[in-house]
Amino acid sequence: MSTNRKILLAFLSVIITIVYIAVTFRFRKEFGWWAYIDCFALFMSVFTWLMSLLIGKMIPYSGKLLAKIALVFGILFILAVIGEYVAYTALF
Protein backbone atom coordinates (compact mmCIF):
# COMPACT_ATOMS: atom_id res chain seq x y z
CA MET A 1 0.00 0.00 0.00
CA SER A 2 1.36 3.42 -0.86
CA THR A 3 2.14 6.00 1.78
CA ASN A 4 -0.63 8.33 0.60
CA ARG A 5 -3.21 5.58 1.02
CA LYS A 6 -1.89 4.79 4.49
CA ILE A 7 -2.17 8.45 5.49
CA LEU A 8 -5.71 8.63 4.11
CA LEU A 9 -6.62 5.48 6.03
CA ALA A 10 -5.11 6.95 9.19
CA PHE A 11 -7.13 10.17 8.82
CA LEU A 12 -10.26 8.09 8.25
CA SER A 13 -9.44 6.06 11.39
CA VAL A 14 -9.11 9.25 13.45
CA ILE A 15 -12.52 10.44 12.21
CA ILE A 16 -14.12 7.06 12.97
CA THR A 17 -12.57 7.13 16.46
CA ILE A 18 -13.96 10.59 17.16
CA VAL A 19 -17.42 9.48 15.97
CA TYR A 20 -17.14 6.37 18.20
CA ILE A 21 -16.37 8.56 21.21
CA ALA A 22 -19.20 10.98 20.41
CA VAL A 23 -21.79 8.23 19.90
CA THR A 24 -20.93 6.34 23.09
CA PHE A 25 -20.39 9.42 25.26
CA ARG A 26 -23.85 9.48 26.81
CA PHE A 27 -23.71 5.75 27.62
CA ARG A 28 -20.29 6.02 29.26
CA LYS A 29 -21.21 9.10 31.28
CA GLU A 30 -23.25 7.00 33.69
CA PHE A 31 -20.34 4.75 34.70
CA GLY A 32 -17.63 7.24 35.61
CA TRP A 33 -14.15 8.06 34.44
CA TRP A 34 -12.98 4.46 34.01
CA ALA A 35 -15.46 3.93 31.17
CA TYR A 36 -13.33 6.15 28.91
CA ILE A 37 -10.13 4.10 29.13
CA ASP A 38 -10.78 2.26 25.87
CA CYS A 39 -11.60 5.53 24.08
CA PHE A 40 -8.32 7.03 25.24
CA ALA A 41 -6.30 3.99 24.17
CA LEU A 42 -8.03 3.83 20.79
CA PHE A 43 -7.53 7.53 20.10
CA MET A 44 -3.87 7.44 21.12
CA SER A 45 -3.26 4.36 19.00
CA VAL A 46 -4.76 5.91 15.89
CA PHE A 47 -3.20 9.32 16.50
CA THR A 48 0.32 7.98 17.07
CA TRP A 49 -0.05 5.80 13.98
CA LEU A 50 -0.98 8.87 11.94
CA MET A 51 1.94 10.82 13.38
CA SER A 52 4.29 7.92 12.65
CA LEU A 53 3.27 8.07 9.00
CA LEU A 54 3.61 11.84 8.77
CA ILE A 55 6.85 12.17 10.75
CA GLY A 56 8.30 8.95 9.35
CA LYS A 57 8.81 10.64 6.00
CA MET A 58 11.15 13.22 7.54
CA ILE A 59 12.67 11.28 10.45
CA PRO A 60 12.47 7.49 9.87
CA TYR A 61 13.64 6.55 13.38
CA SER A 62 10.91 8.64 15.02
CA GLY A 63 8.34 7.14 12.68
CA LYS A 64 9.33 3.60 13.69
CA LEU A 65 9.26 4.54 17.36
CA LEU A 66 5.79 6.08 17.05
CA ALA A 67 4.58 2.99 15.20
CA LYS A 68 5.71 0.85 18.15
CA ILE A 69 3.92 3.18 20.56
CA ALA A 70 0.77 2.90 18.42
CA LEU A 71 1.02 -0.89 18.63
CA VAL A 72 1.30 -0.73 22.43
CA PHE A 73 -1.77 1.52 22.65
CA GLY A 74 -3.62 -0.86 20.31
CA ILE A 75 -2.90 -3.76 22.65
CA LEU A 76 -3.98 -1.61 25.61
CA PHE A 77 -7.21 -0.83 23.75
CA ILE A 78 -7.99 -4.52 23.36
CA LEU A 79 -7.26 -5.14 27.04
CA ALA A 80 -9.41 -2.15 28.03
CA VAL A 81 -12.36 -3.39 25.98
CA ILE A 82 -12.11 -6.80 27.62
CA GLY A 83 -11.78 -5.22 31.08
CA GLU A 84 -14.75 -2.93 30.55
CA TYR A 85 -16.85 -5.81 29.26
CA VAL A 86 -16.08 -7.78 32.43
CA ALA A 87 -16.86 -4.74 34.58
CA TYR A 88 -20.16 -4.04 32.77
CA THR A 89 -21.30 -7.64 33.11
CA ALA A 90 -20.38 -7.64 36.79
CA LEU A 91 -22.35 -4.46 37.41
CA PHE A 92 -25.44 -5.45 35.50
PDB file of N, CA and C in Angstrom:
ATOM      1  N   MET A   1       0.852  -1.167   0.000  1.00  0.00           N
ATOM      2  CA  MET A   1       0.000   0.000   0.000  1.00  0.00           C
ATOM      3  C   MET A   1       0.905   1.239   0.000  1.00  0.00           C
ATOM      4  N   SER A   2       0.551   2.209  -0.776  1.00  0.00           N
ATOM      5  CA  SER A   2       1.363   3.421  -0.862  1.00  0.00           C
ATOM      6  C   SER A   2       1.197   4.272   0.399  1.00  0.00           C
ATOM      7  N   THR A   3       2.150   5.155   0.583  1.00  0.00           N
ATOM      8  CA  THR A   3       2.136   5.999   1.782  1.00  0.00           C
ATOM      9  C   THR A   3       0.931   6.924   1.802  1.00  0.00           C
ATOM     10  N   ASN A   4       0.539   7.443   0.651  1.00  0.00           N
ATOM     11  CA  ASN A   4      -0.630   8.331   0.604  1.00  0.00           C
ATOM     12  C   ASN A   4      -1.902   7.607   1.013  1.00  0.00           C
ATOM     13  N   ARG A   5      -2.028   6.360   0.617  1.00  0.00           N
ATOM     14  CA  ARG A   5      -3.214   5.584   1.022  1.00  0.00           C
ATOM     15  C   ARG A   5      -3.187   5.296   2.520  1.00  0.00           C
ATOM     16  N   LYS A   6      -1.992   5.034   3.058  1.00  0.00           N
ATOM     17  CA  LYS A   6      -1.888   4.792   4.494  1.00  0.00           C
ATOM     18  C   LYS A   6      -2.276   6.042   5.283  1.00  0.00           C
ATOM     19  N   ILE A   7      -1.825   7.200   4.812  1.00  0.00           N
ATOM     20  CA  ILE A   7      -2.169   8.453   5.495  1.00  0.00           C
ATOM     21  C   ILE A   7      -3.664   8.715   5.408  1.00  0.00           C
ATOM     22  N   LEU A   8      -4.266   8.467   4.257  1.00  0.00           N
ATOM     23  CA  LEU A   8      -5.711   8.635   4.111  1.00  0.00           C
ATOM     24  C   LEU A   8      -6.457   7.682   5.033  1.00  0.00           C
ATOM     25  N   LEU A   9      -5.998   6.448   5.132  1.00  0.00           N
ATOM     26  CA  LEU A   9      -6.616   5.480   6.026  1.00  0.00           C
ATOM     27  C   LEU A   9      -6.462   5.906   7.483  1.00  0.00           C
ATOM     28  N   ALA A  10      -5.316   6.483   7.829  1.00  0.00           N
ATOM     29  CA  ALA A  10      -5.105   6.949   9.195  1.00  0.00           C
ATOM     30  C   ALA A  10      -6.033   8.118   9.526  1.00  0.00           C
ATOM     31  N   PHE A  11      -6.187   9.064   8.601  1.00  0.00           N
ATOM     32  CA  PHE A  11      -7.128  10.169   8.823  1.00  0.00           C
ATOM     33  C   PHE A  11      -8.553   9.647   8.973  1.00  0.00           C
ATOM     34  N   LEU A  12      -8.927   8.687   8.156  1.00  0.00           N
ATOM     35  CA  LEU A  12     -10.258   8.091   8.254  1.00  0.00           C
ATOM     36  C   LEU A  12     -10.430   7.389   9.601  1.00  0.00           C
ATOM     37  N   SER A  13      -9.377   6.730  10.080  1.00  0.00           N
ATOM     38  CA  SER A  13      -9.440   6.065  11.386  1.00  0.00           C
ATOM     39  C   SER A  13      -9.608   7.067  12.523  1.00  0.00           C
ATOM     40  N   VAL A  14      -8.954   8.208  12.434  1.00  0.00           N
ATOM     41  CA  VAL A  14      -9.115   9.251  13.454  1.00  0.00           C
ATOM     42  C   VAL A  14     -10.555   9.750  13.463  1.00  0.00           C
ATOM     43  N   ILE A  15     -11.133   9.967  12.296  1.00  0.00           N
ATOM     44  CA  ILE A  15     -12.522  10.438  12.205  1.00  0.00           C
ATOM     45  C   ILE A  15     -13.474   9.400  12.782  1.00  0.00           C
ATOM     46  N   ILE A  16     -13.264   8.129  12.453  1.00  0.00           N
ATOM     47  CA  ILE A  16     -14.121   7.063  12.973  1.00  0.00           C
ATOM     48  C   ILE A  16     -13.990   6.970  14.495  1.00  0.00           C
ATOM     49  N   THR A  17     -12.783   7.156  15.011  1.00  0.00           N
ATOM     50  CA  THR A  17     -12.573   7.130  16.461  1.00  0.00           C
ATOM     51  C   THR A  17     -13.315   8.267  17.148  1.00  0.00           C
ATOM     52  N   ILE A  18     -13.255   9.453  16.577  1.00  0.00           N
ATOM     53  CA  ILE A  18     -13.965  10.593  17.162  1.00  0.00           C
ATOM     54  C   ILE A  18     -15.475  10.367  17.132  1.00  0.00           C
ATOM     55  N   VAL A  19     -15.989   9.798  16.055  1.00  0.00           N
ATOM     56  CA  VAL A  19     -17.416   9.475  15.971  1.00  0.00           C
ATOM     57  C   VAL A  19     -17.776   8.416  17.014  1.00  0.00           C
ATOM     58  N   TYR A  20     -16.920   7.421  17.192  1.00  0.00           N
ATOM     59  CA  TYR A  20     -17.135   6.372  18.198  1.00  0.00           C
ATOM     60  C   TYR A  20     -17.239   6.975  19.597  1.00  0.00           C
ATOM     61  N   ILE A  21     -16.340   7.907  19.902  1.00  0.00           N
ATOM     62  CA  ILE A  21     -16.370   8.555  21.212  1.00  0.00           C
ATOM     63  C   ILE A  21     -17.635   9.394  21.374  1.00  0.00           C
ATOM     64  N   ALA A  22     -18.018  10.123  20.328  1.00  0.00           N
ATOM     65  CA  ALA A  22     -19.205  10.978  20.409  1.00  0.00           C
ATOM     66  C   ALA A  22     -20.485  10.163  20.552  1.00  0.00           C
ATOM     67  N   VAL A  23     -20.575   9.052  19.851  1.00  0.00           N
ATOM     68  CA  VAL A  23     -21.789   8.234  19.899  1.00  0.00           C
ATOM     69  C   VAL A  23     -21.937   7.545  21.249  1.00  0.00           C
ATOM     70  N   THR A  24     -20.840   7.075  21.822  1.00  0.00           N
ATOM     71  CA  THR A  24     -20.929   6.337  23.087  1.00  0.00           C
ATOM     72  C   THR A  24     -20.737   7.214  24.316  1.00  0.00           C
ATOM     73  N   PHE A  25     -20.654   8.525  24.135  1.00  0.00           N
ATOM     74  CA  PHE A  25     -20.392   9.422  25.260  1.00  0.00           C
ATOM     75  C   PHE A  25     -21.502   9.371  26.301  1.00  0.00           C
ATOM     76  N   ARG A  26     -22.725   9.457  25.874  1.00  0.00           N
ATOM     77  CA  ARG A  26     -23.853   9.482  26.814  1.00  0.00           C
ATOM     78  C   ARG A  26     -23.949   8.174  27.600  1.00  0.00           C
ATOM     79  N   PHE A  27     -23.671   7.053  26.950  1.00  0.00           N
ATOM     80  CA  PHE A  27     -23.709   5.752  27.617  1.00  0.00           C
ATOM     81  C   PHE A  27     -22.610   5.646  28.671  1.00  0.00           C
ATOM     82  N   ARG A  28     -21.428   6.130  28.344  1.00  0.00           N
ATOM     83  CA  ARG A  28     -20.294   6.016  29.259  1.00  0.00           C
ATOM     84  C   ARG A  28     -20.369   6.995  30.419  1.00  0.00           C
ATOM     85  N   LYS A  29     -21.108   8.051  30.262  1.00  0.00           N
ATOM     86  CA  LYS A  29     -21.207   9.096  31.278  1.00  0.00           C
ATOM     87  C   LYS A  29     -21.777   8.556  32.591  1.00  0.00           C
ATOM     88  N   GLU A  30     -22.605   7.547  32.501  1.00  0.00           N
ATOM     89  CA  GLU A  30     -23.248   6.996  33.686  1.00  0.00           C
ATOM     90  C   GLU A  30     -22.302   6.179  34.558  1.00  0.00           C
ATOM     91  N   PHE A  31     -21.198   5.674  33.977  1.00  0.00           N
ATOM     92  CA  PHE A  31     -20.341   4.746  34.701  1.00  0.00           C
ATOM     93  C   PHE A  31     -19.125   5.383  35.350  1.00  0.00           C
ATOM     94  N   GLY A  32     -18.770   6.576  34.982  1.00  0.00           N
ATOM     95  CA  GLY A  32     -17.628   7.239  35.606  1.00  0.00           C
ATOM     96  C   GLY A  32     -16.430   7.321  34.680  1.00  0.00           C
ATOM     97  N   TRP A  33     -15.330   7.779  35.243  1.00  0.00           N
ATOM     98  CA  TRP A  33     -14.147   8.063  34.437  1.00  0.00           C
ATOM     99  C   TRP A  33     -13.536   6.811  33.832  1.00  0.00           C
ATOM    100  N   TRP A  34     -13.638   5.665  34.498  1.00  0.00           N
ATOM    101  CA  TRP A  34     -12.982   4.457  34.013  1.00  0.00           C
ATOM    102  C   TRP A  34     -13.610   3.934  32.724  1.00  0.00           C
ATOM    103  N   ALA A  35     -14.798   4.403  32.381  1.00  0.00           N
ATOM    104  CA  ALA A  35     -15.460   3.932  31.167  1.00  0.00           C
ATOM    105  C   ALA A  35     -14.851   4.535  29.906  1.00  0.00           C
ATOM    106  N   TYR A  36     -13.956   5.498  30.059  1.00  0.00           N
ATOM    107  CA  TYR A  36     -13.329   6.149  28.908  1.00  0.00           C
ATOM    108  C   TYR A  36     -11.932   5.618  28.609  1.00  0.00           C
ATOM    109  N   ILE A  37     -11.478   4.619  29.314  1.00  0.00           N
ATOM    110  CA  ILE A  37     -10.128   4.101  29.130  1.00  0.00           C
ATOM    111  C   ILE A  37      -9.940   3.549  27.724  1.00  0.00           C
ATOM    112  N   ASP A  38     -10.922   2.822  27.218  1.00  0.00           N
ATOM    113  CA  ASP A  38     -10.781   2.265  25.868  1.00  0.00           C
ATOM    114  C   ASP A  38     -10.801   3.360  24.803  1.00  0.00           C
ATOM    115  N   CYS A  39     -11.587   4.403  25.031  1.00  0.00           N
ATOM    116  CA  CYS A  39     -11.601   5.529  24.078  1.00  0.00           C
ATOM    117  C   CYS A  39     -10.241   6.216  24.027  1.00  0.00           C
ATOM    118  N   PHE A  40      -9.636   6.403  25.186  1.00  0.00           N
ATOM    119  CA  PHE A  40      -8.319   7.034  25.236  1.00  0.00           C
ATOM    120  C   PHE A  40      -7.286   6.176  24.516  1.00  0.00           C
ATOM    121  N   ALA A  41      -7.273   4.880  24.798  1.00  0.00           N
ATOM    122  CA  ALA A  41      -6.296   3.990  24.173  1.00  0.00           C
ATOM    123  C   ALA A  41      -6.503   3.916  22.661  1.00  0.00           C
ATOM    124  N   LEU A  42      -7.750   3.874  22.221  1.00  0.00           N
ATOM    125  CA  LEU A  42      -8.033   3.829  20.792  1.00  0.00           C
ATOM    126  C   LEU A  42      -7.589   5.116  20.109  1.00  0.00           C
ATOM    127  N   PHE A  43      -7.921   6.258  20.697  1.00  0.00           N
ATOM    128  CA  PHE A  43      -7.528   7.528  20.096  1.00  0.00           C
ATOM    129  C   PHE A  43      -6.013   7.668  20.035  1.00  0.00           C
ATOM    130  N   MET A  44      -5.324   7.327  21.113  1.00  0.00           N
ATOM    131  CA  MET A  44      -3.872   7.440  21.123  1.00  0.00           C
ATOM    132  C   MET A  44      -3.232   6.483  20.134  1.00  0.00           C
ATOM    133  N   SER A  45      -3.793   5.306  19.969  1.00  0.00           N
ATOM    134  CA  SER A  45      -3.263   4.356  19.000  1.00  0.00           C
ATOM    135  C   SER A  45      -3.375   4.901  17.582  1.00  0.00           C
ATOM    136  N   VAL A  46      -4.539   5.390  17.236  1.00  0.00           N
ATOM    137  CA  VAL A  46      -4.763   5.913  15.887  1.00  0.00           C
ATOM    138  C   VAL A  46      -3.959   7.192  15.656  1.00  0.00           C
ATOM    139  N   PHE A  47      -3.907   8.066  16.654  1.00  0.00           N
ATOM    140  CA  PHE A  47      -3.196   9.324  16.498  1.00  0.00           C
ATOM    141  C   PHE A  47      -1.683   9.106  16.363  1.00  0.00           C
ATOM    142  N   THR A  48      -1.114   8.229  17.186  1.00  0.00           N
ATOM    143  CA  THR A  48       0.320   7.983  17.068  1.00  0.00           C
ATOM    144  C   THR A  48       0.656   7.253  15.777  1.00  0.00           C
ATOM    145  N   TRP A  49      -0.267   6.439  15.279  1.00  0.00           N
ATOM    146  CA  TRP A  49      -0.046   5.799  13.985  1.00  0.00           C
ATOM    147  C   TRP A  49      -0.030   6.847  12.870  1.00  0.00           C
ATOM    148  N   LEU A  50      -0.957   7.788  12.920  1.00  0.00           N
ATOM    149  CA  LEU A  50      -0.976   8.869  11.938  1.00  0.00           C
ATOM    150  C   LEU A  50       0.298   9.703  12.023  1.00  0.00           C
ATOM    151  N   MET A  51       0.720  10.032  13.224  1.00  0.00           N
ATOM    152  CA  MET A  51       1.943  10.816  13.383  1.00  0.00           C
ATOM    153  C   MET A  51       3.170  10.041  12.927  1.00  0.00           C
ATOM    154  N   SER A  52       3.161   8.719  13.119  1.00  0.00           N
ATOM    155  CA  SER A  52       4.294   7.923  12.647  1.00  0.00           C
ATOM    156  C   SER A  52       4.392   7.948  11.130  1.00  0.00           C
ATOM    157  N   LEU A  53       3.254   7.990  10.461  1.00  0.00           N
ATOM    158  CA  LEU A  53       3.275   8.072   9.000  1.00  0.00           C
ATOM    159  C   LEU A  53       3.730   9.443   8.525  1.00  0.00           C
ATOM    160  N   LEU A  54       3.251  10.492   9.188  1.00  0.00           N
ATOM    161  CA  LEU A  54       3.612  11.841   8.771  1.00  0.00           C
ATOM    162  C   LEU A  54       5.062  12.190   9.122  1.00  0.00           C
ATOM    163  N   ILE A  55       5.490  11.853  10.321  1.00  0.00           N
ATOM    164  CA  ILE A  55       6.849  12.167  10.751  1.00  0.00           C
ATOM    165  C   ILE A  55       7.858  11.191  10.160  1.00  0.00           C
ATOM    166  N   GLY A  56       7.415   9.966   9.894  1.00  0.00           N
ATOM    167  CA  GLY A  56       8.305   8.950   9.354  1.00  0.00           C
ATOM    168  C   GLY A  56       8.910   9.310   8.012  1.00  0.00           C
ATOM    169  N   LYS A  57       8.254  10.185   7.263  1.00  0.00           N
ATOM    170  CA  LYS A  57       8.814  10.640   5.997  1.00  0.00           C
ATOM    171  C   LYS A  57      10.065  11.495   6.216  1.00  0.00           C
ATOM    172  N   MET A  58      10.034  12.314   7.270  1.00  0.00           N
ATOM    173  CA  MET A  58      11.148  13.222   7.540  1.00  0.00           C
ATOM    174  C   MET A  58      12.210  12.565   8.424  1.00  0.00           C
ATOM    175  N   ILE A  59      11.761  11.891   9.484  1.00  0.00           N
ATOM    176  CA  ILE A  59      12.672  11.278  10.451  1.00  0.00           C
ATOM    177  C   ILE A  59      12.262   9.803  10.603  1.00  0.00           C
ATOM    178  N   PRO A  60      12.888   8.898   9.851  1.00  0.00           N
ATOM    179  CA  PRO A  60      12.469   7.492   9.875  1.00  0.00           C
ATOM    180  C   PRO A  60      12.542   6.829  11.256  1.00  0.00           C
ATOM    181  N   TYR A  61      13.540   7.161  12.054  1.00  0.00           N
ATOM    182  CA  TYR A  61      13.641   6.553  13.379  1.00  0.00           C
ATOM    183  C   TYR A  61      12.451   6.928  14.258  1.00  0.00           C
ATOM    184  N   SER A  62      12.060   8.184  14.224  1.00  0.00           N
ATOM    185  CA  SER A  62      10.909   8.635  15.017  1.00  0.00           C
ATOM    186  C   SER A  62       9.623   7.980  14.532  1.00  0.00           C
ATOM    187  N   GLY A  63       9.510   7.800  13.221  1.00  0.00           N
ATOM    188  CA  GLY A  63       8.335   7.139  12.679  1.00  0.00           C
ATOM    189  C   GLY A  63       8.213   5.705  13.163  1.00  0.00           C
ATOM    190  N   LYS A  64       9.345   4.991  13.198  1.00  0.00           N
ATOM    191  CA  LYS A  64       9.328   3.605  13.687  1.00  0.00           C
ATOM    192  C   LYS A  64       8.994   3.550  15.170  1.00  0.00           C
ATOM    193  N   LEU A  65       9.538   4.498  15.935  1.00  0.00           N
ATOM    194  CA  LEU A  65       9.257   4.537  17.364  1.00  0.00           C
ATOM    195  C   LEU A  65       7.779   4.841  17.630  1.00  0.00           C
ATOM    196  N   LEU A  66       7.215   5.773  16.891  1.00  0.00           N
ATOM    197  CA  LEU A  66       5.788   6.082  17.051  1.00  0.00           C
ATOM    198  C   LEU A  66       4.906   4.916  16.613  1.00  0.00           C
ATOM    199  N   ALA A  67       5.345   4.168  15.620  1.00  0.00           N
ATOM    200  CA  ALA A  67       4.580   2.987  15.199  1.00  0.00           C
ATOM    201  C   ALA A  67       4.562   1.937  16.307  1.00  0.00           C
ATOM    202  N   LYS A  68       5.675   1.790  17.022  1.00  0.00           N
ATOM    203  CA  LYS A  68       5.712   0.854  18.154  1.00  0.00           C
ATOM    204  C   LYS A  68       4.800   1.327  19.280  1.00  0.00           C
ATOM    205  N   ILE A  69       4.805   2.625  19.528  1.00  0.00           N
ATOM    206  CA  ILE A  69       3.924   3.180  20.562  1.00  0.00           C
ATOM    207  C   ILE A  69       2.460   2.971  20.178  1.00  0.00           C
ATOM    208  N   ALA A  70       2.148   3.136  18.887  1.00  0.00           N
ATOM    209  CA  ALA A  70       0.773   2.896  18.417  1.00  0.00           C
ATOM    210  C   ALA A  70       0.375   1.448  18.628  1.00  0.00           C
ATOM    211  N   LEU A  71       1.305   0.529  18.406  1.00  0.00           N
ATOM    212  CA  LEU A  71       1.021  -0.889  18.632  1.00  0.00           C
ATOM    213  C   LEU A  71       0.740  -1.165  20.108  1.00  0.00           C
ATOM    214  N   VAL A  72       1.511  -0.553  20.989  1.00  0.00           N
ATOM    215  CA  VAL A  72       1.295  -0.734  22.431  1.00  0.00           C
ATOM    216  C   VAL A  72      -0.074  -0.201  22.830  1.00  0.00           C
ATOM    217  N   PHE A  73      -0.444   0.980  22.337  1.00  0.00           N
ATOM    218  CA  PHE A  73      -1.770   1.518  22.647  1.00  0.00           C
ATOM    219  C   PHE A  73      -2.878   0.659  22.038  1.00  0.00           C
ATOM    220  N   GLY A  74      -2.638   0.049  20.892  1.00  0.00           N
ATOM    221  CA  GLY A  74      -3.621  -0.860  20.305  1.00  0.00           C
ATOM    222  C   GLY A  74      -3.851  -2.073  21.188  1.00  0.00           C
ATOM    223  N   ILE A  75      -2.778  -2.621  21.729  1.00  0.00           N
ATOM    224  CA  ILE A  75      -2.903  -3.756  22.648  1.00  0.00           C
ATOM    225  C   ILE A  75      -3.618  -3.323  23.925  1.00  0.00           C
ATOM    226  N   LEU A  76      -3.281  -2.133  24.420  1.00  0.00           N
ATOM    227  CA  LEU A  76      -3.979  -1.615  25.606  1.00  0.00           C
ATOM    228  C   LEU A  76      -5.463  -1.391  25.334  1.00  0.00           C
ATOM    229  N   PHE A  77      -5.805  -0.985  24.108  1.00  0.00           N
ATOM    230  CA  PHE A  77      -7.213  -0.827  23.747  1.00  0.00           C
ATOM    231  C   PHE A  77      -7.950  -2.156  23.838  1.00  0.00           C
ATOM    232  N   ILE A  78      -7.355  -3.204  23.305  1.00  0.00           N
ATOM    233  CA  ILE A  78      -7.995  -4.521  23.355  1.00  0.00           C
ATOM    234  C   ILE A  78      -8.170  -4.972  24.801  1.00  0.00           C
ATOM    235  N   LEU A  79      -7.146  -4.773  25.624  1.00  0.00           N
ATOM    236  CA  LEU A  79      -7.260  -5.138  27.037  1.00  0.00           C
ATOM    237  C   LEU A  79      -8.311  -4.297  27.756  1.00  0.00           C
ATOM    238  N   ALA A  80      -8.413  -3.021  27.408  1.00  0.00           N
ATOM    239  CA  ALA A  80      -9.406  -2.148  28.029  1.00  0.00           C
ATOM    240  C   ALA A  80     -10.820  -2.558  27.650  1.00  0.00           C
ATOM    241  N   VAL A  81     -11.027  -2.941  26.401  1.00  0.00           N
ATOM    242  CA  VAL A  81     -12.358  -3.391  25.975  1.00  0.00           C
ATOM    243  C   VAL A  81     -12.747  -4.660  26.739  1.00  0.00           C
ATOM    244  N   ILE A  82     -11.818  -5.576  26.872  1.00  0.00           N
ATOM    245  CA  ILE A  82     -12.107  -6.805  27.624  1.00  0.00           C
ATOM    246  C   ILE A  82     -12.388  -6.477  29.090  1.00  0.00           C
ATOM    247  N   GLY A  83     -11.578  -5.600  29.679  1.00  0.00           N
ATOM    248  CA  GLY A  83     -11.785  -5.220  31.080  1.00  0.00           C
ATOM    249  C   GLY A  83     -13.103  -4.511  31.302  1.00  0.00           C
ATOM    250  N   GLU A  84     -13.465  -3.621  30.399  1.00  0.00           N
ATOM    251  CA  GLU A  84     -14.748  -2.928  30.545  1.00  0.00           C
ATOM    252  C   GLU A  84     -15.921  -3.875  30.343  1.00  0.00           C
ATOM    253  N   TYR A  85     -15.772  -4.824  29.451  1.00  0.00           N
ATOM    254  CA  TYR A  85     -16.846  -5.807  29.261  1.00  0.00           C
ATOM    255  C   TYR A  85     -17.056  -6.611  30.546  1.00  0.00           C
ATOM    256  N   VAL A  86     -15.968  -7.037  31.165  1.00  0.00           N
ATOM    257  CA  VAL A  86     -16.076  -7.784  32.426  1.00  0.00           C
ATOM    258  C   VAL A  86     -16.702  -6.900  33.503  1.00  0.00           C
ATOM    259  N   ALA A  87     -16.315  -5.636  33.565  1.00  0.00           N
ATOM    260  CA  ALA A  87     -16.862  -4.740  34.579  1.00  0.00           C
ATOM    261  C   ALA A  87     -18.348  -4.476  34.335  1.00  0.00           C
ATOM    262  N   TYR A  88     -18.746  -4.272  33.074  1.00  0.00           N
ATOM    263  CA  TYR A  88     -20.159  -4.036  32.767  1.00  0.00           C
ATOM    264  C   TYR A  88     -21.018  -5.250  33.115  1.00  0.00           C
ATOM    265  N   THR A  89     -20.519  -6.441  32.801  1.00  0.00           N
ATOM    266  CA  THR A  89     -21.305  -7.641  33.105  1.00  0.00           C
ATOM    267  C   THR A  89     -21.374  -7.891  34.601  1.00  0.00           C
ATOM    268  N   ALA A  90     -20.355  -7.488  35.348  1.00  0.00           N
ATOM    269  CA  ALA A  90     -20.383  -7.644  36.792  1.00  0.00           C
ATOM    270  C   ALA A  90     -21.344  -6.660  37.439  1.00  0.00           C
ATOM    271  N   LEU A  91     -21.456  -5.454  36.854  1.00  0.00           N
ATOM    272  CA  LEU A  91     -22.351  -4.457  37.415  1.00  0.00           C
ATOM    273  C   LEU A  91     -23.808  -4.708  37.069  1.00  0.00           C
ATOM    274  N   PHE A  92     -24.053  -5.289  35.925  1.00  0.00           N
ATOM    275  CA  PHE A  92     -25.442  -5.454  35.496  1.00  0.00           C
ATOM    276  C   PHE A  92     -25.761  -6.895  35.302  1.00  0.00           C
TER     277      PHE A  92
END
